[in-house]
Amino acid sequence: MKLIIISGRSGSGKTIALNVLEDLGYNCIDGVPYQLLEQLIDTVDAPNNKIAITLDIRNLPHEALAIEQLLSALRDKIEIEIIYIDAITTELIRRYSETRRLHPLSKQKLSLSQALERERELIAPLKREAALEIDTTTLSIHNLNERLKIFLQGSSKSKLLIIFQSFGFKYSHPEDADYIFDVRFLPNPHWEPSLQKYNGTEQPIIDYLESQPVVKQTINQIDNLFQSWMPHLEENNRNYVTIAIGCTGGKHRSVFVTERIAARFSSKYQVQIEHKCLPSS
């Protein structure tokens, strides 16, 4: 099991970083009390489970020795990596002035600048142990996202999930689709009485549609379109893309085309298939 600890001063972008890790498949917990950390680790059974937490001024002991002992105890049990995120004090003050939130140390009757400086001192042990430090003073959310992905998976590209959906136009349009293709112009097996009882995943329909040149041409054209688009969608930090393919009833043509196109992408991307109008969907 691997534990990623995200730390840094308040307002530096830790919550954004935690969201990035969640998109990468980590189980993320914000602000878990440090007293419960060892108990949390003990209750996670899966050896390959990935966990990310924030550990900062809100949930840390206020003594450097206690922090070092905590890290040592955790390292005895699991692999740990610390990501330390910060920005220059003037930028953190600017961000606080925009959000009008209170600093966690404000109850100690410190000014914001004093609270930020005190916070720097208290979390110094975590900074010293960090495997990665990121200064977000001039970083956009997109840039922070890229830095984290490069560090964690060796590339800034998302592990894109492509959701392929088949549907019937006579029922409804999928509201969550990014792209919709209408294949009602293709030869319709419905008009062959011996084929009506089958769907696009069954061999009689497969044989019928594979024998139609226009079906093969359509599949190739949609495939070529998205093979050229996918690298750009990945670079845009998309986590998933939904491609919907519709015919009249959502049973034959759209199902067959969806299955064939999804198969072409399954070796390179995560693929999920949803047939909206088949009983097993």
C-alpha atoms as a PDB file:
ATOM      1  CA  MET A   1       0.000   0.000   0.000  1.00  0.00           C
ATOM      2  CA  LYS A   2       1.145   3.529  -0.741  1.00  0.00           C
ATOM      3  CA  LEU A   3       0.310   6.689   1.181  1.00  0.00           C
ATOM      4  CA  ILE A   4       0.703  10.118  -0.386  1.00  0.00           C
ATOM      5  CA  ILE A   5       0.799  12.935   2.159  1.00  0.00           C
ATOM      6  CA  ILE A   6       0.001  16.371   0.796  1.00  0.00           C
ATOM      7  CA  SER A   7       1.175  19.172   3.033  1.00  0.00           C
ATOM      8  CA  GLY A   8       1.977  22.841   2.853  1.00  0.00           C
ATOM      9  CA  ARG A   9       0.731  26.170   4.054  1.00  0.00           C
ATOM     10  CA  SER A  10      -2.920  27.129   4.004  1.00  0.00           C
ATOM     11  CA  GLY A  11      -4.077  28.537   0.695  1.00  0.00           C
ATOM     12  CA  SER A  12      -1.288  26.960  -1.331  1.00  0.00           C
ATOM     13  CA  GLY A  13      -3.487  24.551  -3.331  1.00  0.00           C
ATOM     14  CA  LYS A  14      -3.579  21.348  -1.294  1.00  0.00           C
ATOM     15  CA  THR A  15      -7.278  20.721  -1.971  1.00  0.00           C
ATOM     16  CA  ILE A  16      -6.722  21.042  -5.714  1.00  0.00           C
ATOM     17  CA  ALA A  17      -3.834  18.579  -5.454  1.00  0.00           C
ATOM     18  CA  LEU A  18      -6.013  16.126  -3.548  1.00  0.00           C
ATOM     19  CA  ASN A  19      -8.631  16.321  -6.317  1.00  0.00           C
ATOM     20  CA  VAL A  20      -5.976  15.457  -8.897  1.00  0.00           C
ATOM     21  CA  LEU A  21      -4.967  12.381  -6.918  1.00  0.00           C
ATOM     22  CA  GLU A  22      -8.589  11.330  -6.613  1.00  0.00           C
ATOM     23  CA  ASP A  23      -8.860  11.446 -10.414  1.00  0.00           C
ATOM     24  CA  LEU A  24      -5.766   9.213 -10.585  1.00  0.00           C
ATOM     25  CA  GLY A  25      -7.439   6.520  -8.507  1.00  0.00           C
ATOM     26  CA  TYR A  26      -6.308   7.379  -4.983  1.00  0.00           C
ATOM     27  CA  ASN A  27      -8.673   7.130  -2.031  1.00  0.00           C
ATOM     28  CA  CYS A  28      -8.466  10.679  -0.723  1.00  0.00           C
ATOM     29  CA  ILE A  29      -9.138  11.975   2.781  1.00  0.00           C
ATOM     30  CA  ASP A  30      -8.882  15.631   3.704  1.00  0.00           C
ATOM     31  CA  GLY A  31      -7.999  16.593   7.259  1.00  0.00           C
ATOM     32  CA  VAL A  32      -7.925  13.197   8.988  1.00  0.00           C
ATOM     33  CA  PRO A  33      -6.723  13.722  12.618  1.00  0.00           C
ATOM     34  CA  TYR A  34      -3.131  12.543  12.997  1.00  0.00           C
ATOM     35  CA  GLN A  35      -4.143  10.440  16.030  1.00  0.00           C
ATOM     36  CA  LEU A  36      -6.253   8.280  13.702  1.00  0.00           C
ATOM     37  CA  LEU A  37      -3.709   7.814  10.931  1.00  0.00           C
ATOM     38  CA  GLU A  38      -2.211   4.555  12.161  1.00  0.00           C
ATOM     39  CA  GLN A  39      -5.693   3.186  12.784  1.00  0.00           C
ATOM     40  CA  LEU A  40      -6.696   4.216   9.262  1.00  0.00           C
ATOM     41  CA  ILE A  41      -3.712   2.392   7.775  1.00  0.00           C
ATOM     42  CA  ASP A  42      -4.486  -0.732   9.784  1.00  0.00           C
ATOM     43  CA  THR A  43      -8.076  -0.872   8.528  1.00  0.00           C
ATOM     44  CA  VAL A  44      -7.161  -0.746   4.822  1.00  0.00           C
ATOM     45  CA  ASP A  45      -6.821  -4.364   3.705  1.00  0.00           C
ATOM     46  CA  ALA A  46      -5.901  -4.203   0.030  1.00  0.00           C
ATOM     47  CA  PRO A  47      -2.089  -4.370  -0.351  1.00  0.00           C
ATOM     48  CA  ASN A  48      -2.156  -2.323  -3.561  1.00  0.00           C
ATOM     49  CA  ASN A  49      -4.561   0.295  -2.289  1.00  0.00           C
ATOM     50  CA  LYS A  50      -3.478   3.893  -2.848  1.00  0.00           C
ATOM     51  CA  ILE A  51      -4.374   6.504  -0.243  1.00  0.00           C
ATOM     52  CA  ALA A  52      -3.793  10.251  -0.261  1.00  0.00           C
ATOM     53  CA  ILE A  53      -4.327  12.537   2.715  1.00  0.00           C
ATOM     54  CA  THR A  54      -3.678  16.126   3.659  1.00  0.00           C
ATOM     55  CA  LEU A  55      -1.506  16.607   6.730  1.00  0.00           C
ATOM     56  CA  ASP A  56      -1.146  20.227   7.723  1.00  0.00           C
ATOM     57  CA  ILE A  57      -1.630  22.767  10.474  1.00  0.00           C
ATOM     58  CA  ARG A  58      -5.247  21.689  10.980  1.00  0.00           C
ATOM     59  CA  ASN A  59      -4.470  18.106  11.958  1.00  0.00           C
ATOM     60  CA  LEU A  60      -0.817  17.952  13.037  1.00  0.00           C
ATOM     61  CA  PRO A  61       0.789  17.839  16.473  1.00  0.00           C
ATOM     62  CA  HIS A  62       2.414  21.180  17.248  1.00  0.00           C
ATOM     63  CA  GLU A  63       5.841  19.762  18.110  1.00  0.00           C
ATOM     64  CA  ALA A  64       8.489  18.850  15.545  1.00  0.00           C
ATOM     65  CA  LEU A  65       9.517  15.713  17.453  1.00  0.00           C
ATOM     66  CA  ALA A  66       5.932  14.411  17.476  1.00  0.00           C
ATOM     67  CA  ILE A  67       5.677  14.927  13.710  1.00  0.00           C
ATOM     68  CA  GLU A  68       8.935  13.064  13.113  1.00  0.00           C
ATOM     69  CA  GLN A  69       7.767  10.203  15.328  1.00  0.00           C
ATOM     70  CA  LEU A  70       4.472  10.040  13.450  1.00  0.00           C
ATOM     71  CA  LEU A  71       6.232   9.810  10.081  1.00  0.00           C
ATOM     72  CA  SER A  72       8.590   7.153  11.410  1.00  0.00           C
ATOM     73  CA  ALA A  73       5.702   5.052  12.740  1.00  0.00           C
ATOM     74  CA  LEU A  74       3.884   5.285   9.406  1.00  0.00           C
ATOM     75  CA  ARG A  75       6.994   4.348   7.412  1.00  0.00           C
ATOM     76  CA  ASP A  76       7.342   1.201   9.492  1.00  0.00           C
ATOM     77  CA  LYS A  77       4.022   0.057   8.039  1.00  0.00           C
ATOM     78  CA  ILE A  78       3.697   1.435   4.513  1.00  0.00           C
ATOM     79  CA  GLU A  79       5.417   3.310   1.717  1.00  0.00           C
ATOM     80  CA  ILE A  80       5.070   7.087   2.115  1.00  0.00           C
ATOM     81  CA  GLU A  81       5.683   9.989  -0.220  1.00  0.00           C
ATOM     82  CA  ILE A  82       5.231  13.603   0.853  1.00  0.00           C
ATOM     83  CA  ILE A  83       4.258  16.336  -1.577  1.00  0.00           C
ATOM     84  CA  TYR A  84       4.823  19.795  -0.139  1.00  0.00           C
ATOM     85  CA  ILE A  85       2.907  22.679  -1.727  1.00  0.00           C
ATOM     86  CA  ASP A  86       3.540  26.335  -0.947  1.00  0.00           C
ATOM     87  CA  ALA A  87       3.509  29.855  -2.362  1.00  0.00           C
ATOM     88  CA  ILE A  88       5.155  33.098  -1.350  1.00  0.00           C
ATOM     89  CA  THR A  89       3.537  34.779   1.631  1.00  0.00           C
ATOM     90  CA  THR A  90       2.274  37.809  -0.295  1.00  0.00           C
ATOM     91  CA  GLU A  91       0.445  35.513  -2.729  1.00  0.00           C
ATOM     92  CA  LEU A  92      -1.134  33.523   0.115  1.00  0.00           C
ATOM     93  CA  ILE A  93      -2.291  36.774   1.702  1.00  0.00           C
ATOM     94  CA  ARG A  94      -3.807  37.821  -1.622  1.00  0.00           C
ATOM     95  CA  ARG A  95      -5.679  34.534  -1.908  1.00  0.00           C
ATOM     96  CA  TYR A  96      -6.993  34.875   1.633  1.00  0.00           C
ATOM     97  CA  SER A  97      -8.207  38.403   0.871  1.00  0.00           C
ATOM     98  CA  GLU A  98     -10.173  37.039  -2.082  1.00  0.00           C
ATOM     99  CA  THR A  99     -11.813  34.154  -0.216  1.00  0.00           C
ATOM    100  CA  ARG A 100     -12.192  36.014   3.120  1.00  0.00           C
ATOM    101  CA  ARG A 101     -11.617  32.777   4.993  1.00  0.00           C
ATOM    102  CA  LEU A 102      -9.949  32.620   8.404  1.00  0.00           C
ATOM    103  CA  HIS A 103      -6.516  31.110   8.780  1.00  0.00           C
ATOM    104  CA  PRO A 104      -6.480  28.025  11.068  1.00  0.00           C
ATOM    105  CA  LEU A 105      -4.174  29.871  13.501  1.00  0.00           C
ATOM    106  CA  SER A 106      -6.331  32.986  13.653  1.00  0.00           C
ATOM    107  CA  LYS A 107      -7.635  31.930  17.078  1.00  0.00           C
ATOM    108  CA  GLN A 108      -4.173  32.620  18.471  1.00  0.00           C
ATOM    109  CA  LYS A 109      -4.738  36.337  17.831  1.00  0.00           C
ATOM    110  CA  LEU A 110      -2.061  36.456  15.137  1.00  0.00           C
ATOM    111  CA  SER A 111      -2.184  38.641  12.066  1.00  0.00           C
ATOM    112  CA  LEU A 112      -2.470  36.758   8.785  1.00  0.00           C
ATOM    113  CA  SER A 113       1.207  37.274   7.954  1.00  0.00           C
ATOM    114  CA  GLN A 114       2.207  36.150  11.448  1.00  0.00           C
ATOM    115  CA  ALA A 115      -0.050  33.096  11.196  1.00  0.00           C
ATOM    116  CA  LEU A 116       1.481  32.102   7.861  1.00  0.00           C
ATOM    117  CA  GLU A 117       5.001  32.465   9.224  1.00  0.00           C
ATOM    118  CA  ARG A 118       4.146  30.433  12.321  1.00  0.00           C
ATOM    119  CA  GLU A 119       2.556  27.803  10.092  1.00  0.00           C
ATOM    120  CA  ARG A 120       5.773  27.569   8.046  1.00  0.00           C
ATOM    121  CA  GLU A 121       7.720  26.825  11.230  1.00  0.00           C
ATOM    122  CA  LEU A 122       5.288  24.193  12.498  1.00  0.00           C
ATOM    123  CA  ILE A 123       5.174  22.129   9.297  1.00  0.00           C
ATOM    124  CA  ALA A 124       8.916  22.420   8.536  1.00  0.00           C
ATOM    125  CA  PRO A 125       9.506  18.709   9.393  1.00  0.00           C
ATOM    126  CA  LEU A 126       7.163  17.705   6.578  1.00  0.00           C
ATOM    127  CA  LYS A 127       8.906  20.003   4.124  1.00  0.00           C
ATOM    128  CA  ARG A 128      12.274  18.474   4.980  1.00  0.00           C
ATOM    129  CA  GLU A 129      10.920  14.994   4.190  1.00  0.00           C
ATOM    130  CA  ALA A 130       9.158  15.949   0.963  1.00  0.00           C
ATOM    131  CA  ALA A 131       9.824  13.982  -2.205  1.00  0.00           C
ATOM    132  CA  LEU A 132       8.356  16.823  -4.262  1.00  0.00           C
ATOM    133  CA  GLU A 133       8.005  20.541  -3.572  1.00  0.00           C
ATOM    134  CA  ILE A 134       5.738  22.696  -5.728  1.00  0.00           C
ATOM    135  CA  ASP A 135       5.612  26.488  -5.618  1.00  0.00           C
ATOM    136  CA  THR A 136       2.128  27.503  -6.779  1.00  0.00           C
ATOM    137  CA  THR A 137       2.766  31.263  -6.672  1.00  0.00           C
ATOM    138  CA  THR A 138       2.489  31.606 -10.443  1.00  0.00           C
ATOM    139  CA  LEU A 139       1.002  28.219 -11.323  1.00  0.00           C
ATOM    140  CA  SER A 140      -2.435  27.844 -12.867  1.00  0.00           C
ATOM    141  CA  ILE A 141      -4.636  24.930 -11.801  1.00  0.00           C
ATOM    142  CA  HIS A 142      -3.781  23.279 -15.126  1.00  0.00           C
ATOM    143  CA  ASN A 143      -0.029  23.617 -14.463  1.00  0.00           C
ATOM    144  CA  LEU A 144      -0.363  22.190 -10.947  1.00  0.00           C
ATOM    145  CA  ASN A 145      -2.363  19.309 -12.377  1.00  0.00           C
ATOM    146  CA  GLU A 146       0.419  18.586 -14.888  1.00  0.00           C
ATOM    147  CA  ARG A 147       3.213  18.734 -12.291  1.00  0.00           C
ATOM    148  CA  LEU A 148       1.460  16.232 -10.067  1.00  0.00           C
ATOM    149  CA  LYS A 149       0.648  13.824 -12.883  1.00  0.00           C
ATOM    150  CA  ILE A 150       4.207  13.873 -14.188  1.00  0.00           C
ATOM    151  CA  PHE A 151       5.519  13.112 -10.693  1.00  0.00           C
ATOM    152  CA  LEU A 152       3.018  10.369  -9.900  1.00  0.00           C
ATOM    153  CA  GLN A 153       2.700   8.566 -13.224  1.00  0.00           C
ATOM    154  CA  GLY A 154       5.572   9.831 -15.361  1.00  0.00           C
ATOM    155  CA  SER A 155       3.298  11.707 -17.742  1.00  0.00           C
ATOM    156  CA  SER A 156       0.916  14.642 -17.572  1.00  0.00           C
ATOM    157  CA  LYS A 157      -1.569  12.800 -19.750  1.00  0.00           C
ATOM    158  CA  SER A 158      -4.685  11.486 -18.056  1.00  0.00           C
ATOM    159  CA  LYS A 159      -5.450   7.794 -18.197  1.00  0.00           C
ATOM    160  CA  LEU A 160      -8.416   8.563 -20.354  1.00  0.00           C
ATOM    161  CA  LEU A 161     -11.626   6.588 -19.897  1.00  0.00           C
ATOM    162  CA  ILE A 162     -13.728   6.344 -23.052  1.00  0.00           C
ATOM    163  CA  ILE A 163     -17.385   5.535 -22.473  1.00  0.00           C
ATOM    164  CA  PHE A 164     -19.116   4.130 -25.540  1.00  0.00           C
ATOM    165  CA  GLN A 165     -22.910   4.178 -25.466  1.00  0.00           C
ATOM    166  CA  SER A 166     -25.495   2.747 -27.843  1.00  0.00           C
ATOM    167  CA  PHE A 167     -29.026   4.121 -27.730  1.00  0.00           C
ATOM    168  CA  GLY A 168     -32.302   4.368 -29.652  1.00  0.00           C
ATOM    169  CA  PHE A 169     -33.418   7.708 -31.068  1.00  0.00           C
ATOM    170  CA  LYS A 170     -37.073   6.764 -30.661  1.00  0.00           C
ATOM    171  CA  TYR A 171     -36.584   6.640 -26.881  1.00  0.00           C
ATOM    172  CA  SER A 172     -34.268   9.473 -25.829  1.00  0.00           C
ATOM    173  CA  HIS A 173     -30.942  11.147 -26.484  1.00  0.00           C
ATOM    174  CA  PRO A 174     -28.210  10.485 -23.890  1.00  0.00           C
ATOM    175  CA  GLU A 175     -27.773  13.718 -21.959  1.00  0.00           C
ATOM    176  CA  ASP A 176     -24.245  12.925 -20.813  1.00  0.00           C
ATOM    177  CA  ALA A 177     -22.720  12.311 -24.248  1.00  0.00           C
ATOM    178  CA  ASP A 178     -19.863  14.479 -25.505  1.00  0.00           C
ATOM    179  CA  TYR A 179     -20.321  13.237 -29.076  1.00  0.00           C
ATOM    180  CA  ILE A 180     -23.379  11.705 -30.751  1.00  0.00           C
ATOM    181  CA  PHE A 181     -23.390   9.773 -34.032  1.00  0.00           C
ATOM    182  CA  ASP A 182     -26.521   8.831 -35.956  1.00  0.00           C
ATOM    183  CA  VAL A 183     -26.224   5.485 -37.785  1.00  0.00           C
ATOM    184  CA  ARG A 184     -29.857   5.182 -38.833  1.00  0.00           C
ATOM    185  CA  PHE A 185     -28.742   5.368 -42.492  1.00  0.00           C
ATOM    186  CA  LEU A 186     -27.107   1.938 -42.225  1.00  0.00           C
ATOM    187  CA  PRO A 187     -28.962  -1.186 -43.438  1.00  0.00           C
ATOM    188  CA  ASN A 188     -31.449  -2.161 -40.747  1.00  0.00           C
ATOM    189  CA  PRO A 189     -31.600  -5.827 -39.634  1.00  0.00           C
ATOM    190  CA  HIS A 190     -35.034  -5.112 -38.166  1.00  0.00           C
ATOM    191  CA  TRP A 191     -36.536  -5.460 -41.628  1.00  0.00           C
ATOM    192  CA  GLU A 192     -35.248  -9.017 -41.890  1.00  0.00           C
ATOM    193  CA  PRO A 193     -37.868 -11.130 -40.049  1.00  0.00           C
ATOM    194  CA  SER A 194     -35.349 -13.829 -39.129  1.00  0.00           C
ATOM    195  CA  LEU A 195     -33.081 -11.266 -37.452  1.00  0.00           C
ATOM    196  CA  GLN A 196     -35.548  -9.243 -35.399  1.00  0.00           C
ATOM    197  CA  LYS A 197     -35.181 -11.322 -32.252  1.00  0.00           C
ATOM    198  CA  TYR A 198     -31.401 -10.827 -32.082  1.00  0.00           C
ATOM    199  CA  ASN A 199     -29.336  -7.830 -30.979  1.00  0.00           C
ATOM    200  CA  GLY A 200     -26.059  -6.347 -32.155  1.00  0.00           C
ATOM    201  CA  THR A 201     -23.919  -8.524 -29.888  1.00  0.00           C
ATOM    202  CA  GLU A 202     -25.258 -11.780 -31.343  1.00  0.00           C
ATOM    203  CA  GLN A 203     -23.772 -13.625 -34.295  1.00  0.00           C
ATOM    204  CA  PRO A 204     -26.675 -13.395 -36.801  1.00  0.00           C
ATOM    205  CA  ILE A 205     -26.645  -9.578 -36.552  1.00  0.00           C
ATOM    206  CA  ILE A 206     -22.845  -9.488 -36.601  1.00  0.00           C
ATOM    207  CA  ASP A 207     -22.766 -11.583 -39.792  1.00  0.00           C
ATOM    208  CA  TYR A 208     -25.417  -9.423 -41.443  1.00  0.00           C
ATOM    209  CA  LEU A 209     -23.805  -6.074 -40.663  1.00  0.00           C
ATOM    210  CA  GLU A 210     -20.239  -7.241 -41.360  1.00  0.00           C
ATOM    211  CA  SER A 211     -21.348  -8.109 -44.887  1.00  0.00           C
ATOM    212  CA  GLN A 212     -22.398  -4.498 -45.546  1.00  0.00           C
ATOM    213  CA  PRO A 213     -19.573  -2.314 -46.982  1.00  0.00           C
ATOM    214  CA  VAL A 214     -21.172   0.908 -45.771  1.00  0.00           C
ATOM    215  CA  VAL A 215     -21.102  -0.393 -42.181  1.00  0.00           C
ATOM    216  CA  LYS A 216     -17.359  -1.072 -42.359  1.00  0.00           C
ATOM    217  CA  GLN A 217     -16.784   2.333 -43.940  1.00  0.00           C
ATOM    218  CA  THR A 218     -18.740   4.092 -41.176  1.00  0.00           C
ATOM    219  CA  ILE A 219     -16.844   2.298 -38.419  1.00  0.00           C
ATOM    220  CA  ASN A 220     -13.515   3.187 -40.048  1.00  0.00           C
ATOM    221  CA  GLN A 221     -14.478   6.848 -40.377  1.00  0.00           C
ATOM    222  CA  ILE A 222     -15.573   7.210 -36.748  1.00  0.00           C
ATOM    223  CA  ASP A 223     -12.472   5.316 -35.628  1.00  0.00           C
ATOM    224  CA  ASN A 224     -10.137   7.540 -37.671  1.00  0.00           C
ATOM    225  CA  LEU A 225     -11.798  10.660 -36.330  1.00  0.00           C
ATOM    226  CA  PHE A 226     -11.260   9.753 -32.689  1.00  0.00           C
ATOM    227  CA  GLN A 227      -7.828   8.209 -33.194  1.00  0.00           C
ATOM    228  CA  SER A 228      -6.709  11.678 -34.327  1.00  0.00           C
ATOM    229  CA  TRP A 229      -8.642  13.525 -31.596  1.00  0.00           C
ATOM    230  CA  MET A 230      -7.775  11.445 -28.528  1.00  0.00           C
ATOM    231  CA  PRO A 231      -4.215  12.736 -28.032  1.00  0.00           C
ATOM    232  CA  HIS A 232      -5.576  16.287 -27.945  1.00  0.00           C
ATOM    233  CA  LEU A 233      -8.305  15.322 -25.492  1.00  0.00           C
ATOM    234  CA  GLU A 234      -5.673  13.729 -23.233  1.00  0.00           C
ATOM    235  CA  GLU A 235      -3.490  16.825 -23.344  1.00  0.00           C
ATOM    236  CA  ASN A 236      -6.528  18.868 -22.317  1.00  0.00           C
ATOM    237  CA  ASN A 237      -6.609  16.879 -19.050  1.00  0.00           C
ATOM    238  CA  ARG A 238      -9.889  15.170 -19.815  1.00  0.00           C
ATOM    239  CA  ASN A 239     -10.556  12.241 -17.503  1.00  0.00           C
ATOM    240  CA  TYR A 240     -13.292  10.697 -19.613  1.00  0.00           C
ATOM    241  CA  VAL A 241     -15.049  11.114 -22.945  1.00  0.00           C
ATOM    242  CA  THR A 242     -18.523   9.783 -23.739  1.00  0.00           C
ATOM    243  CA  ILE A 243     -19.277   8.759 -27.326  1.00  0.00           C
ATOM    244  CA  ALA A 244     -22.879   7.822 -28.092  1.00  0.00           C
ATOM    245  CA  ILE A 245     -24.002   5.984 -31.212  1.00  0.00           C
ATOM    246  CA  GLY A 246     -27.706   5.825 -31.988  1.00  0.00           C
ATOM    247  CA  CYS A 247     -29.987   3.958 -34.353  1.00  0.00           C
ATOM    248  CA  THR A 248     -33.779   3.809 -34.367  1.00  0.00           C
ATOM    249  CA  GLY A 249     -34.399   1.287 -31.603  1.00  0.00           C
ATOM    250  CA  GLY A 250     -30.932   0.997 -30.066  1.00  0.00           C
ATOM    251  CA  LYS A 251     -30.874  -2.757 -30.499  1.00  0.00           C
ATOM    252  CA  HIS A 252     -29.036  -3.692 -33.691  1.00  0.00           C
ATOM    253  CA  ARG A 253     -26.919  -1.198 -35.650  1.00  0.00           C
ATOM    254  CA  SER A 254     -25.866   1.107 -32.826  1.00  0.00           C
ATOM    255  CA  VAL A 255     -24.973  -1.852 -30.599  1.00  0.00           C
ATOM    256  CA  PHE A 256     -22.851  -3.500 -33.289  1.00  0.00           C
ATOM    257  CA  VAL A 257     -21.040  -0.288 -34.247  1.00  0.00           C
ATOM    258  CA  THR A 258     -20.428   0.590 -30.584  1.00  0.00           C
ATOM    259  CA  GLU A 259     -18.920  -2.826 -29.878  1.00  0.00           C
ATOM    260  CA  ARG A 260     -16.667  -2.688 -32.948  1.00  0.00           C
ATOM    261  CA  ILE A 261     -15.342   0.811 -32.292  1.00  0.00           C
ATOM    262  CA  ALA A 262     -14.827   0.183 -28.565  1.00  0.00           C
ATOM    263  CA  ALA A 263     -12.731  -2.891 -29.407  1.00  0.00           C
ATOM    264  CA  ARG A 264     -10.368  -0.724 -31.446  1.00  0.00           C
ATOM    265  CA  PHE A 265      -9.643   1.532 -28.476  1.00  0.00           C
ATOM    266  CA  SER A 266      -9.509  -1.064 -25.701  1.00  0.00           C
ATOM    267  CA  SER A 267      -5.803  -1.844 -26.079  1.00  0.00           C
ATOM    268  CA  LYS A 268      -4.715   1.760 -25.525  1.00  0.00           C
ATOM    269  CA  TYR A 269      -7.404   3.300 -23.305  1.00  0.00           C
ATOM    270  CA  GLN A 270      -9.758   2.362 -20.511  1.00  0.00           C
ATOM    271  CA  VAL A 271     -13.027   1.482 -22.213  1.00  0.00           C
ATOM    272  CA  GLN A 272     -16.533   1.170 -20.813  1.00  0.00           C
ATOM    273  CA  ILE A 273     -19.513   0.034 -22.911  1.00  0.00           C
ATOM    274  CA  GLU A 274     -23.127   0.893 -22.122  1.00  0.00           C
ATOM    275  CA  HIS A 275     -26.043  -0.363 -24.221  1.00  0.00           C
ATOM    276  CA  LYS A 276     -28.960   1.813 -23.160  1.00  0.00           C
ATOM    277  CA  CYS A 277     -31.672  -0.209 -24.874  1.00  0.00           C
ATOM    278  CA  LEU A 278     -30.621  -3.788 -24.171  1.00  0.00           C
ATOM    279  CA  PRO A 279     -32.171  -5.560 -21.169  1.00  0.00           C
ATOM    280  CA  SER A 280     -28.786  -6.303 -19.584  1.00  0.00           C
ATOM    281  CA  SER A 281     -27.721  -2.596 -19.587  1.00  0.00           C
END
